[in-house]
Amino acid sequence: MAIVAQSSKLSNVLWPVLAWIVGLLFFFPIFWMVLTSFKTDADAVKPEYLLWFTPTLDNYLNMTENYDYWRFARNSVITSVFATIFTLVVGIPAAYAMAFNPTKRTKDVLMWMLSTKMLPAAAVLYPMTFLTKSLGLFDTHFMIILVLSLINLPIVIWMLFTYFKEIPKDIIEAGKMDGVDTLGEIKEILIPLAWGGIASTALLCFIFCWNEAYWTVRLTTTDAATLSKLIEGNRAPEGLFFGRLSAVSTAAVGPIVVLGWFCQKQLVQGLTFGAVK
């Protein structure tokens, strides 16, 4: 018994310590990026200024005055918000149909949608670029919103399908018995019951849209360019300007980190609501 008690006490100490170590390892790149953003480009590559240096705001001032940060940030907000809304508008009815009116091919359709995420983006880069330029949609908000929506739609449908399957089908049947149509079932029954799952899905979709870099960099130049394009623009033939690059990266990830921090409770609740059995 004494050995078991000692082992239990040891576990109670080791697991929190291990959790802190893992947490610090994940946090360290963000900390280093923020630290480097307050260095000049010259100091950022000098070993003697690794930790002790004179902080400066020049990188942030340069970012807002010369790189028009707010325009890129506005484009990121517009594309991420509207792509998330469009994805949910399509994904909720699709997941509803598959969860409460399944067919023999429902699982096959779900697997096919998930398999599209395995397609290398580079494989369709040329046809996507050709089509967007041919249709006059290159470097437009509409095209970026459409692309981001299609990229995230399979994951959104899968998540919503999992959440909706947790809702007893009898509740939906009772709504039908009361004469509620399909749209009414979704608006008045399904969405209120699965609100936690829908909110967490929307948050994750927004984060994925915000962080998308491959397509936003390659399908935009100026008008619809997002923060990913601004980060990519700090690369030059002379090399990487680490001070400026860190400042731009910090300004790009900062809003989404703050959003995730304030919404972590809702995110965890939503993710556990529809846990796969």
Protein backbone atom coordinates (compact mmCIF):
# COMPACT_ATOMS: atom_id res chain seq x y z
CA MET A 1 0.00 0.00 0.00
CA ALA A 2 2.86 2.36 0.83
CA ILE A 3 4.42 1.70 -2.57
CA VAL A 4 1.13 2.42 -4.32
CA ALA A 5 0.69 5.64 -2.34
CA GLN A 6 4.24 6.79 -3.18
CA SER A 7 3.68 5.94 -6.84
CA SER A 8 0.45 7.96 -6.83
CA LYS A 9 2.19 10.95 -5.24
CA LEU A 10 5.01 10.70 -7.77
CA SER A 11 2.50 10.67 -10.64
CA ASN A 12 0.73 13.71 -9.20
CA VAL A 13 4.04 15.58 -9.38
CA LEU A 14 5.44 14.23 -12.66
CA TRP A 15 2.35 14.76 -14.84
CA PRO A 16 1.97 18.49 -14.04
CA VAL A 17 5.72 18.98 -14.56
CA LEU A 18 5.53 17.17 -17.90
CA ALA A 19 2.51 19.26 -18.91
CA TRP A 20 4.41 22.47 -18.08
CA ILE A 21 7.42 21.33 -20.10
CA VAL A 22 5.28 20.52 -23.14
CA GLY A 23 3.43 23.82 -22.76
CA LEU A 24 6.66 25.80 -22.60
CA LEU A 25 8.03 23.99 -25.65
CA PHE A 26 4.96 25.00 -27.63
CA PHE A 27 5.05 28.55 -26.29
CA PHE A 28 8.77 29.14 -26.84
CA PRO A 29 8.60 29.83 -30.63
CA ILE A 30 5.91 32.46 -30.03
CA PHE A 31 7.96 34.01 -27.23
CA TRP A 32 11.07 34.11 -29.44
CA MET A 33 9.13 35.64 -32.32
CA VAL A 34 7.76 38.41 -30.10
CA LEU A 35 11.21 39.00 -28.57
CA THR A 36 12.85 39.25 -31.99
CA SER A 37 10.20 41.71 -33.18
CA PHE A 38 11.67 44.30 -30.82
CA LYS A 39 15.17 43.95 -32.28
CA THR A 40 16.59 45.69 -35.30
CA ASP A 41 17.34 43.53 -38.35
CA ALA A 42 21.04 43.79 -37.55
CA ASP A 43 20.65 42.88 -33.86
CA ALA A 44 18.38 39.95 -34.69
CA VAL A 45 21.28 37.99 -36.24
CA LYS A 46 23.97 38.89 -33.72
CA PRO A 47 24.63 36.26 -31.01
CA GLU A 48 25.66 38.91 -28.47
CA TYR A 49 22.14 40.38 -28.64
CA LEU A 50 20.43 37.04 -28.17
CA LEU A 51 18.66 38.02 -24.94
CA TRP A 52 20.09 41.37 -23.88
CA PHE A 53 19.43 44.17 -26.34
CA THR A 54 17.92 47.61 -26.59
CA PRO A 55 14.25 47.16 -27.58
CA THR A 56 12.84 49.24 -30.39
CA LEU A 57 9.43 49.80 -31.97
CA ASP A 58 10.87 50.66 -35.37
CA ASN A 59 9.73 47.38 -36.90
CA TYR A 60 6.11 47.99 -35.88
CA LEU A 61 6.21 51.61 -37.00
CA ASN A 62 7.68 50.57 -40.32
CA MET A 63 4.99 47.89 -40.69
CA THR A 64 2.11 50.34 -40.19
CA GLU A 65 3.59 53.30 -42.07
CA ASN A 66 5.32 51.65 -45.05
CA TYR A 67 3.61 48.28 -45.44
CA ASP A 68 -0.03 49.34 -44.92
CA TYR A 69 -0.65 46.69 -42.28
CA TRP A 70 -4.27 47.71 -41.70
CA ARG A 71 -5.26 47.02 -45.31
CA PHE A 72 -3.87 43.49 -45.12
CA ALA A 73 -5.52 42.96 -41.71
CA ARG A 74 -8.86 44.20 -43.06
CA ASN A 75 -8.63 41.75 -45.96
CA SER A 76 -7.89 38.91 -43.54
CA VAL A 77 -10.93 39.79 -41.44
CA ILE A 78 -13.22 40.11 -44.47
CA THR A 79 -12.18 36.86 -46.11
CA SER A 80 -12.11 34.85 -42.87
CA VAL A 81 -15.49 36.07 -41.60
CA PHE A 82 -17.37 35.65 -44.87
CA ALA A 83 -15.71 32.32 -45.65
CA THR A 84 -16.72 31.03 -42.22
CA ILE A 85 -20.31 32.23 -42.68
CA PHE A 86 -20.58 30.73 -46.16
CA THR A 87 -19.10 27.42 -44.98
CA LEU A 88 -21.60 27.18 -42.13
CA VAL A 89 -24.53 28.10 -44.40
CA VAL A 90 -23.63 25.18 -46.65
CA GLY A 91 -22.28 22.83 -43.99
CA ILE A 92 -25.17 22.90 -41.49
CA PRO A 93 -27.87 21.70 -43.96
CA ALA A 94 -25.47 19.13 -45.45
CA ALA A 95 -24.56 17.71 -42.03
CA TYR A 96 -28.24 17.78 -41.01
CA ALA A 97 -29.24 15.73 -44.04
CA MET A 98 -26.49 13.17 -43.47
CA ALA A 99 -27.14 12.88 -39.73
CA PHE A 100 -30.93 12.60 -39.73
CA ASN A 101 -31.70 11.35 -43.25
CA PRO A 102 -28.79 9.01 -44.03
CA THR A 103 -28.64 6.80 -47.11
CA LYS A 104 -26.52 3.79 -47.98
CA ARG A 105 -23.96 6.12 -49.53
CA THR A 106 -23.73 8.62 -46.68
CA LYS A 107 -20.53 7.16 -45.25
CA ASP A 108 -19.03 6.95 -48.73
CA VAL A 109 -19.82 10.63 -49.33
CA LEU A 110 -18.26 11.59 -46.01
CA MET A 111 -15.11 9.61 -46.78
CA TRP A 112 -14.93 11.14 -50.26
CA MET A 113 -15.18 14.65 -48.82
CA LEU A 114 -12.44 13.87 -46.32
CA SER A 115 -10.25 12.39 -49.05
CA THR A 116 -10.22 15.74 -50.86
CA LYS A 117 -8.11 17.09 -47.97
CA MET A 118 -5.39 14.63 -48.99
CA LEU A 119 -4.97 16.23 -52.41
CA PRO A 120 -1.69 18.20 -52.60
CA ALA A 121 -2.51 21.86 -53.13
CA ALA A 122 0.40 22.23 -55.54
CA ALA A 123 -1.23 19.69 -57.86
CA VAL A 124 -4.10 22.06 -58.67
CA LEU A 125 -2.19 25.34 -58.46
CA TYR A 126 -1.87 25.84 -62.22
CA PRO A 127 -5.54 25.09 -63.12
CA MET A 128 -6.72 27.27 -60.22
CA THR A 129 -4.52 30.16 -61.30
CA PHE A 130 -5.56 29.74 -64.94
CA LEU A 131 -9.27 29.65 -64.08
CA THR A 132 -9.17 32.63 -61.75
CA LYS A 133 -7.32 34.76 -64.29
CA SER A 134 -9.56 33.62 -67.16
CA LEU A 135 -12.70 34.48 -65.20
CA GLY A 136 -11.30 37.80 -64.00
CA LEU A 137 -11.41 36.68 -60.36
CA PHE A 138 -7.72 36.75 -59.61
CA ASP A 139 -6.87 38.89 -56.57
CA THR A 140 -10.53 39.35 -55.56
CA HIS A 141 -12.20 38.89 -52.20
CA PHE A 142 -14.88 36.71 -53.79
CA MET A 143 -12.37 34.19 -55.07
CA ILE A 144 -10.43 33.96 -51.81
CA ILE A 145 -13.66 33.55 -49.83
CA LEU A 146 -14.81 30.80 -52.21
CA VAL A 147 -11.47 28.97 -52.06
CA LEU A 148 -11.25 29.17 -48.27
CA SER A 149 -14.83 27.92 -47.97
CA LEU A 150 -14.23 24.92 -50.21
CA ILE A 151 -11.00 24.06 -48.42
CA ASN A 152 -12.65 23.96 -45.00
CA LEU A 153 -16.07 22.60 -45.98
CA PRO A 154 -15.15 18.88 -45.58
CA ILE A 155 -13.83 19.40 -42.04
CA VAL A 156 -16.82 21.55 -41.09
CA ILE A 157 -19.33 18.99 -42.37
CA TRP A 158 -17.52 16.18 -40.57
CA MET A 159 -17.50 18.07 -37.28
CA LEU A 160 -21.12 19.16 -37.54
CA PHE A 161 -22.18 15.65 -38.56
CA THR A 162 -20.53 14.30 -35.41
CA TYR A 163 -22.27 16.89 -33.22
CA PHE A 164 -25.67 16.36 -34.83
CA LYS A 165 -25.44 12.59 -34.37
CA GLU A 166 -25.35 13.20 -30.60
CA ILE A 167 -28.82 14.77 -30.74
CA PRO A 168 -31.63 12.24 -30.25
CA LYS A 169 -33.51 11.71 -33.49
CA ASP A 170 -36.77 11.60 -31.54
CA ILE A 171 -36.54 15.35 -30.98
CA ILE A 172 -36.44 15.96 -34.72
CA GLU A 173 -39.29 13.50 -35.24
CA ALA A 174 -41.34 15.33 -32.63
CA GLY A 175 -40.81 18.56 -34.53
CA LYS A 176 -42.07 16.93 -37.71
CA MET A 177 -45.15 15.68 -35.86
CA ASP A 178 -45.87 19.28 -34.85
CA GLY A 179 -45.74 20.36 -38.47
CA VAL A 180 -42.31 22.03 -38.45
CA ASP A 181 -40.71 22.07 -41.89
CA THR A 182 -37.07 21.26 -42.61
CA LEU A 183 -35.89 24.86 -42.35
CA GLY A 184 -37.77 25.24 -39.08
CA GLU A 185 -36.16 22.09 -37.69
CA ILE A 186 -32.72 23.49 -38.42
CA LYS A 187 -33.44 26.99 -37.08
CA GLU A 188 -35.66 26.22 -34.08
CA ILE A 189 -34.47 22.78 -32.93
CA LEU A 190 -31.09 21.79 -34.32
CA ILE A 191 -29.10 25.03 -33.99
CA PRO A 192 -30.18 25.77 -30.36
CA LEU A 193 -29.40 22.19 -29.27
CA ALA A 194 -26.03 22.03 -31.04
CA TRP A 195 -25.03 25.65 -30.52
CA GLY A 196 -21.85 24.75 -28.61
CA GLY A 197 -20.67 22.45 -31.38
CA ILE A 198 -21.57 24.94 -34.10
CA ALA A 199 -19.75 27.76 -32.28
CA SER A 200 -16.58 25.68 -31.86
CA THR A 201 -16.76 24.62 -35.51
CA ALA A 202 -17.12 28.25 -36.57
CA LEU A 203 -14.15 29.25 -34.41
CA LEU A 204 -11.94 26.53 -35.86
CA CYS A 205 -13.04 27.37 -39.39
CA PHE A 206 -12.22 31.03 -38.78
CA ILE A 207 -8.77 30.09 -37.46
CA PHE A 208 -8.10 27.87 -40.49
CA CYS A 209 -9.18 30.65 -42.85
CA TRP A 210 -7.06 33.23 -41.03
CA ASN A 211 -3.99 30.99 -41.09
CA GLU A 212 -4.33 29.87 -44.72
CA ALA A 213 -1.20 30.93 -46.55
CA TYR A 214 -0.75 28.80 -49.64
CA TRP A 215 -3.74 30.01 -51.64
CA THR A 216 -3.92 33.54 -50.25
CA VAL A 217 -0.30 34.12 -51.27
CA ARG A 218 -0.62 32.63 -54.75
CA LEU A 219 -4.04 33.93 -55.75
CA THR A 220 -3.56 37.54 -54.65
CA THR A 221 -1.25 40.45 -55.33
CA THR A 222 -2.57 43.64 -53.70
CA ASP A 223 -6.35 44.14 -53.64
CA ALA A 224 -7.34 41.00 -51.70
CA ALA A 225 -3.94 40.23 -50.16
CA THR A 226 -4.13 39.05 -46.55
CA LEU A 227 -1.61 39.08 -43.72
CA SER A 228 -0.02 35.92 -45.11
CA LYS A 229 0.92 37.91 -48.20
CA LEU A 230 2.36 40.65 -46.00
CA ILE A 231 4.56 38.12 -44.20
CA GLU A 232 5.70 36.65 -47.51
CA GLY A 233 6.54 40.16 -48.74
CA ASN A 234 9.31 40.49 -46.16
CA ARG A 235 11.42 38.05 -48.12
CA ALA A 236 13.97 39.68 -50.42
CA PRO A 237 16.91 38.57 -52.61
CA GLU A 238 19.19 39.86 -49.88
CA GLY A 239 17.66 37.40 -47.41
CA LEU A 240 15.16 37.52 -44.58
CA PHE A 241 14.80 40.62 -42.45
CA PHE A 242 14.18 38.81 -39.16
CA GLY A 243 13.27 41.87 -37.12
CA ARG A 244 10.63 43.10 -39.53
CA LEU A 245 9.48 39.57 -40.30
CA SER A 246 8.97 38.83 -36.60
CA ALA A 247 7.01 42.06 -36.11
CA VAL A 248 4.71 41.30 -39.03
CA SER A 249 4.26 37.69 -37.88
CA THR A 250 3.47 38.81 -34.33
CA ALA A 251 0.88 41.28 -35.62
CA ALA A 252 -0.61 38.53 -37.82
CA VAL A 253 -0.92 35.80 -35.19
CA GLY A 254 -1.70 38.14 -32.28
CA PRO A 255 -5.44 38.63 -32.99
CA ILE A 256 -6.08 34.91 -33.51
CA VAL A 257 -4.12 33.97 -30.37
CA VAL A 258 -6.13 36.47 -28.31
CA LEU A 259 -9.37 35.18 -29.83
CA GLY A 260 -8.46 31.60 -29.03
CA TRP A 261 -7.48 32.55 -25.48
CA PHE A 262 -10.81 34.24 -24.73
CA CYS A 263 -12.82 31.51 -26.46
CA GLN A 264 -10.94 28.49 -25.13
CA LYS A 265 -13.74 27.49 -22.74
CA GLN A 266 -16.36 27.52 -25.51
CA LEU A 267 -13.96 25.75 -27.85
CA VAL A 268 -13.27 22.91 -25.42
CA GLN A 269 -16.97 22.55 -24.57
CA GLY A 270 -17.87 22.38 -28.24
CA LEU A 271 -15.18 19.86 -29.08
CA THR A 272 -16.14 17.54 -26.22
CA PHE A 273 -19.85 17.87 -27.02
CA GLY A 274 -19.48 15.87 -30.20
CA ALA A 275 -16.69 13.52 -29.22
CA VAL A 276 -16.42 10.52 -31.53
CA LYS A 277 -17.32 7.30 -29.74
